[in-house]
Amino acid sequence: MAAAPPGPGFSTTVEALRLREWQLGPGQPTLVMDQFSADDFNLVVDDRADVHVNSKDGIFYLGWFPSGRPGTDGEGWKIAVTGTAKVRGYQMSFDTETPANVVAAAVARVLETSRQV
């Protein structure tokens, strides 16, 4: 006996359709900044009150721009890891309204991928 082909549309449950509450707003930037130690990272606060963190070896960079990064459309966070001669680096950005705990999770994962040599 062959099974009937699925009909149009999709199948779900009432539970799956319930509304969720999502965190919105920038939150507390200390969730991000508290991940950096003075032993391994430099921190600079500039005249605009933007915060710049870089690793002592200069490969990792994090910028926090509470009022938006100059020259961008609302970029609030910038993370960059410099590559090598053989492997490209990468970067990611988050806007000023991205919850800090989301940025903190991304930073934590980036830091977990690093190792001392």
N, C-alpha and C. Protein backbone atom coordinates (compact mmCIF):
# COMPACT_ATOMS: atom_id res chain seq x y z
N MET A 1 0.84 -1.16 0.00
CA MET A 1 0.00 0.00 0.00
C MET A 1 0.89 1.23 0.00
N ALA A 2 0.69 2.16 -0.90
CA ALA A 2 1.49 3.38 -1.02
C ALA A 2 0.89 4.48 -0.14
N ALA A 3 1.77 5.30 0.40
CA ALA A 3 1.31 6.41 1.24
C ALA A 3 0.81 7.53 0.34
N ALA A 4 -0.18 8.24 0.80
CA ALA A 4 -0.73 9.35 0.04
C ALA A 4 0.29 10.49 0.01
N PRO A 5 0.43 11.17 -1.13
CA PRO A 5 1.37 12.29 -1.19
C PRO A 5 0.91 13.41 -0.25
N PRO A 6 1.87 14.14 0.28
CA PRO A 6 1.48 15.22 1.19
C PRO A 6 0.67 16.28 0.46
N GLY A 7 -0.28 16.88 1.15
CA GLY A 7 -1.11 17.91 0.57
C GLY A 7 -0.41 19.26 0.56
N PRO A 8 -1.06 20.25 0.01
CA PRO A 8 -0.47 21.59 -0.01
C PRO A 8 -0.40 22.18 1.40
N GLY A 9 0.43 23.17 1.58
CA GLY A 9 0.56 23.82 2.88
C GLY A 9 1.62 23.16 3.74
N PHE A 10 1.52 23.39 5.03
CA PHE A 10 2.48 22.81 5.96
C PHE A 10 1.75 22.32 7.20
N SER A 11 2.43 21.50 7.94
CA SER A 11 1.84 20.94 9.15
C SER A 11 2.57 21.52 10.35
N THR A 12 1.83 21.88 11.37
CA THR A 12 2.43 22.40 12.59
C THR A 12 1.51 22.09 13.76
N THR A 13 1.90 22.53 14.93
CA THR A 13 1.08 22.33 16.13
C THR A 13 0.72 23.69 16.72
N VAL A 14 -0.27 23.70 17.56
CA VAL A 14 -0.66 24.94 18.24
C VAL A 14 0.51 25.43 19.08
N GLU A 15 1.21 24.52 19.73
CA GLU A 15 2.36 24.89 20.58
C GLU A 15 3.42 25.65 19.78
N ALA A 16 3.68 25.20 18.56
CA ALA A 16 4.70 25.85 17.72
C ALA A 16 4.28 27.25 17.30
N LEU A 17 2.99 27.52 17.30
CA LEU A 17 2.49 28.83 16.86
C LEU A 17 2.33 29.84 17.98
N ARG A 18 2.59 29.43 19.20
CA ARG A 18 2.44 30.36 20.33
C ARG A 18 3.44 31.50 20.19
N LEU A 19 3.03 32.67 20.64
CA LEU A 19 3.90 33.84 20.57
C LEU A 19 5.10 33.67 21.50
N ARG A 20 6.20 34.24 21.09
CA ARG A 20 7.42 34.22 21.90
C ARG A 20 7.74 35.65 22.29
N GLU A 21 8.50 35.78 23.34
CA GLU A 21 8.98 37.09 23.74
C GLU A 21 10.46 37.16 23.37
N TRP A 22 10.84 38.19 22.63
CA TRP A 22 12.22 38.32 22.16
C TRP A 22 12.87 39.51 22.85
N GLN A 23 14.15 39.36 23.19
CA GLN A 23 14.87 40.46 23.79
C GLN A 23 15.18 41.50 22.72
N LEU A 24 14.88 42.73 23.02
CA LEU A 24 15.16 43.84 22.12
C LEU A 24 15.90 44.92 22.89
N GLY A 25 16.61 45.76 22.19
CA GLY A 25 17.35 46.86 22.80
C GLY A 25 18.78 46.45 23.09
N PRO A 26 19.64 47.44 23.24
CA PRO A 26 21.08 47.16 23.34
C PRO A 26 21.53 46.43 24.60
N GLY A 27 20.84 46.57 25.69
CA GLY A 27 21.25 45.87 26.91
C GLY A 27 22.51 46.46 27.52
N GLN A 28 23.25 45.65 28.24
CA GLN A 28 24.43 46.09 28.97
C GLN A 28 25.72 45.71 28.26
N PRO A 29 26.47 46.68 27.75
CA PRO A 29 27.72 46.37 27.04
C PRO A 29 28.78 45.71 27.92
N THR A 30 28.63 45.80 29.23
CA THR A 30 29.60 45.15 30.11
C THR A 30 29.59 43.63 29.91
N LEU A 31 28.48 43.08 29.43
CA LEU A 31 28.45 41.64 29.12
C LEU A 31 29.49 41.28 28.08
N VAL A 32 29.77 42.21 27.19
CA VAL A 32 30.81 42.00 26.16
C VAL A 32 32.18 42.33 26.73
N MET A 33 32.31 43.51 27.31
CA MET A 33 33.62 44.01 27.74
C MET A 33 34.23 43.20 28.88
N ASP A 34 33.42 42.60 29.72
CA ASP A 34 33.95 41.83 30.84
C ASP A 34 34.68 40.56 30.41
N GLN A 35 34.64 40.23 29.13
CA GLN A 35 35.32 39.03 28.64
C GLN A 35 36.81 39.25 28.37
N PHE A 36 37.26 40.50 28.48
CA PHE A 36 38.64 40.83 28.13
C PHE A 36 39.46 41.13 29.36
N SER A 37 40.65 40.54 29.42
CA SER A 37 41.57 40.80 30.54
C SER A 37 42.65 41.77 30.10
N ALA A 38 43.14 42.56 31.04
CA ALA A 38 44.21 43.52 30.75
C ALA A 38 45.50 42.81 30.38
N ASP A 39 45.64 41.54 30.77
CA ASP A 39 46.85 40.78 30.44
C ASP A 39 46.95 40.48 28.95
N ASP A 40 45.81 40.28 28.30
CA ASP A 40 45.82 39.86 26.89
C ASP A 40 45.29 40.90 25.92
N PHE A 41 44.62 41.95 26.43
CA PHE A 41 43.97 42.91 25.54
C PHE A 41 44.23 44.34 25.97
N ASN A 42 44.26 45.24 25.00
CA ASN A 42 44.34 46.68 25.25
C ASN A 42 42.95 47.28 25.07
N LEU A 43 42.60 48.23 25.91
CA LEU A 43 41.32 48.91 25.83
C LEU A 43 41.56 50.41 25.75
N VAL A 44 40.90 51.05 24.79
CA VAL A 44 41.01 52.50 24.62
C VAL A 44 39.61 53.07 24.47
N VAL A 45 39.35 54.15 25.20
CA VAL A 45 38.10 54.90 25.05
C VAL A 45 38.50 56.22 24.40
N ASP A 46 37.92 56.50 23.22
CA ASP A 46 38.31 57.71 22.50
C ASP A 46 37.46 58.91 22.89
N ASP A 47 37.69 60.04 22.22
CA ASP A 47 37.00 61.28 22.56
C ASP A 47 35.50 61.27 22.23
N ARG A 48 35.03 60.30 21.47
CA ARG A 48 33.60 60.16 21.19
C ARG A 48 32.94 59.20 22.18
N ALA A 49 33.71 58.64 23.10
CA ALA A 49 33.27 57.62 24.05
C ALA A 49 33.07 56.27 23.36
N ASP A 50 33.66 56.09 22.18
CA ASP A 50 33.69 54.78 21.54
C ASP A 50 34.77 53.95 22.23
N VAL A 51 34.55 52.65 22.32
CA VAL A 51 35.48 51.77 23.01
C VAL A 51 36.13 50.85 21.99
N HIS A 52 37.45 50.74 22.06
CA HIS A 52 38.22 49.89 21.15
C HIS A 52 39.03 48.89 21.98
N VAL A 53 38.91 47.62 21.64
CA VAL A 53 39.65 46.57 22.32
C VAL A 53 40.44 45.82 21.25
N ASN A 54 41.72 45.63 21.50
CA ASN A 54 42.49 44.79 20.58
C ASN A 54 43.41 43.87 21.37
N SER A 55 43.67 42.72 20.76
CA SER A 55 44.56 41.76 21.41
C SER A 55 45.98 42.32 21.36
N LYS A 56 46.79 41.90 22.30
CA LYS A 56 48.17 42.40 22.38
C LYS A 56 48.94 42.09 21.11
N ASP A 57 48.58 41.00 20.41
CA ASP A 57 49.26 40.67 19.15
C ASP A 57 48.67 41.42 17.95
N GLY A 58 47.59 42.18 18.17
CA GLY A 58 47.00 42.99 17.11
C GLY A 58 46.11 42.23 16.14
N ILE A 59 45.84 40.97 16.38
CA ILE A 59 45.05 40.17 15.43
C ILE A 59 43.54 40.33 15.66
N PHE A 60 43.12 40.48 16.90
CA PHE A 60 41.70 40.62 17.22
C PHE A 60 41.37 42.09 17.49
N TYR A 61 40.22 42.54 17.00
CA TYR A 61 39.75 43.90 17.27
C TYR A 61 38.25 43.86 17.55
N LEU A 62 37.84 44.62 18.55
CA LEU A 62 36.42 44.84 18.84
C LEU A 62 36.22 46.33 19.02
N GLY A 63 35.25 46.89 18.33
CA GLY A 63 34.89 48.28 18.53
C GLY A 63 33.45 48.37 18.95
N TRP A 64 33.17 49.18 19.96
CA TRP A 64 31.80 49.45 20.39
C TRP A 64 31.54 50.93 20.17
N PHE A 65 30.52 51.23 19.40
CA PHE A 65 30.19 52.59 19.00
C PHE A 65 28.75 52.88 19.45
N PRO A 66 28.56 53.35 20.69
CA PRO A 66 27.21 53.54 21.24
C PRO A 66 26.32 54.43 20.40
N SER A 67 26.89 55.42 19.73
CA SER A 67 26.10 56.34 18.89
C SER A 67 26.20 55.98 17.42
N GLY A 68 26.77 54.86 17.10
CA GLY A 68 26.95 54.45 15.71
C GLY A 68 28.35 54.75 15.23
N ARG A 69 28.91 53.82 14.48
CA ARG A 69 30.26 54.00 13.95
C ARG A 69 30.23 55.06 12.85
N PRO A 70 31.13 56.03 12.92
CA PRO A 70 31.16 57.08 11.89
C PRO A 70 31.30 56.47 10.49
N GLY A 71 30.53 57.01 9.57
CA GLY A 71 30.59 56.56 8.18
C GLY A 71 29.77 55.32 7.89
N THR A 72 28.99 54.83 8.88
CA THR A 72 28.15 53.65 8.67
C THR A 72 26.71 54.01 8.97
N ASP A 73 25.83 53.09 8.67
CA ASP A 73 24.41 53.29 8.93
C ASP A 73 24.00 52.53 10.20
N GLY A 74 24.40 53.06 11.36
CA GLY A 74 23.98 52.47 12.63
C GLY A 74 24.79 51.29 13.11
N GLU A 75 26.00 51.10 12.58
CA GLU A 75 26.84 50.00 13.07
C GLU A 75 27.27 50.32 14.50
N GLY A 76 26.96 49.42 15.43
CA GLY A 76 27.27 49.65 16.83
C GLY A 76 28.43 48.82 17.35
N TRP A 77 28.66 47.66 16.73
CA TRP A 77 29.73 46.76 17.14
C TRP A 77 30.48 46.28 15.90
N LYS A 78 31.78 46.21 16.00
CA LYS A 78 32.60 45.68 14.91
C LYS A 78 33.60 44.70 15.52
N ILE A 79 33.61 43.50 14.99
CA ILE A 79 34.57 42.47 15.41
C ILE A 79 35.38 42.10 14.18
N ALA A 80 36.69 42.06 14.32
CA ALA A 80 37.54 41.69 13.19
C ALA A 80 38.71 40.83 13.68
N VAL A 81 39.02 39.82 12.90
CA VAL A 81 40.18 38.97 13.16
C VAL A 81 41.02 38.99 11.89
N THR A 82 42.26 39.44 12.03
CA THR A 82 43.16 39.55 10.89
C THR A 82 43.64 38.18 10.46
N GLY A 83 43.70 37.97 9.17
CA GLY A 83 44.17 36.69 8.63
C GLY A 83 45.67 36.62 8.54
N THR A 84 46.14 35.60 7.86
CA THR A 84 47.57 35.40 7.62
C THR A 84 47.84 35.50 6.13
N ALA A 85 49.06 35.25 5.74
CA ALA A 85 49.41 35.27 4.32
C ALA A 85 48.69 34.15 3.56
N LYS A 86 48.29 33.10 4.27
CA LYS A 86 47.67 31.95 3.61
C LYS A 86 46.17 31.82 3.86
N VAL A 87 45.68 32.41 4.95
CA VAL A 87 44.26 32.26 5.33
C VAL A 87 43.67 33.64 5.57
N ARG A 88 42.55 33.92 4.91
CA ARG A 88 41.89 35.21 5.08
C ARG A 88 41.31 35.36 6.48
N GLY A 89 41.28 36.57 6.97
CA GLY A 89 40.63 36.88 8.24
C GLY A 89 39.14 37.05 8.02
N TYR A 90 38.45 37.55 9.02
CA TYR A 90 37.02 37.76 8.90
C TYR A 90 36.60 38.91 9.79
N GLN A 91 35.39 39.39 9.55
CA GLN A 91 34.83 40.45 10.37
C GLN A 91 33.32 40.31 10.43
N MET A 92 32.75 40.87 11.46
CA MET A 92 31.29 40.88 11.60
C MET A 92 30.88 42.17 12.28
N SER A 93 29.68 42.59 12.00
CA SER A 93 29.15 43.82 12.57
C SER A 93 27.75 43.59 13.12
N PHE A 94 27.41 44.38 14.12
CA PHE A 94 26.08 44.37 14.70
C PHE A 94 25.63 45.82 14.84
N ASP A 95 24.35 46.08 14.69
CA ASP A 95 23.91 47.47 14.80
C ASP A 95 23.81 47.90 16.27
N THR A 96 23.52 49.17 16.46
CA THR A 96 23.52 49.73 17.83
C THR A 96 22.42 49.14 18.71
N GLU A 97 21.38 48.57 18.12
CA GLU A 97 20.27 48.02 18.90
C GLU A 97 20.37 46.51 19.11
N THR A 98 21.44 45.89 18.64
CA THR A 98 21.62 44.46 18.88
C THR A 98 21.84 44.23 20.37
N PRO A 99 21.10 43.33 20.99
CA PRO A 99 21.30 43.08 22.41
C PRO A 99 22.76 42.67 22.72
N ALA A 100 23.30 43.27 23.76
CA ALA A 100 24.69 43.03 24.13
C ALA A 100 24.96 41.55 24.40
N ASN A 101 23.97 40.81 24.91
CA ASN A 101 24.24 39.40 25.19
C ASN A 101 24.38 38.59 23.89
N VAL A 102 23.79 39.05 22.80
CA VAL A 102 24.00 38.40 21.50
C VAL A 102 25.43 38.65 21.03
N VAL A 103 25.88 39.90 21.15
CA VAL A 103 27.25 40.25 20.78
C VAL A 103 28.23 39.50 21.69
N ALA A 104 27.91 39.43 22.98
CA ALA A 104 28.78 38.72 23.94
C ALA A 104 28.94 37.26 23.56
N ALA A 105 27.85 36.64 23.10
CA ALA A 105 27.93 35.23 22.68
C ALA A 105 28.84 35.08 21.46
N ALA A 106 28.75 36.00 20.51
CA ALA A 106 29.61 35.95 19.33
C ALA A 106 31.07 36.15 19.74
N VAL A 107 31.33 37.11 20.60
CA VAL A 107 32.70 37.36 21.07
C VAL A 107 33.24 36.14 21.80
N ALA A 108 32.43 35.54 22.65
CA ALA A 108 32.87 34.35 23.40
C ALA A 108 33.29 33.24 22.44
N ARG A 109 32.52 33.03 21.38
CA ARG A 109 32.87 31.97 20.41
C ARG A 109 34.16 32.31 19.68
N VAL A 110 34.34 33.58 19.32
CA VAL A 110 35.59 33.98 18.65
C VAL A 110 36.77 33.75 19.59
N LEU A 111 36.63 34.16 20.84
CA LEU A 111 37.73 33.99 21.80
C LEU A 111 38.02 32.52 22.06
N GLU A 112 37.00 31.67 22.03
CA GLU A 112 37.20 30.23 22.21
C GLU A 112 38.03 29.63 21.09
N THR A 113 37.99 30.24 19.91
CA THR A 113 38.75 29.69 18.78
C THR A 113 40.22 30.08 18.82
N SER A 114 40.57 31.02 19.71
CA SER A 114 41.97 31.45 19.79
C SER A 114 42.75 30.53 20.73
N ARG A 115 44.02 30.50 20.52
CA ARG A 115 44.90 29.73 21.42
C ARG A 115 46.25 30.42 21.50
N GLN A 116 46.88 30.31 22.63
CA GLN A 116 48.21 30.91 22.77
C GLN A 116 49.24 30.01 22.10
N VAL A 117 50.18 30.66 21.43
CA VAL A 117 51.24 29.90 20.74
C VAL A 117 52.58 30.16 21.36
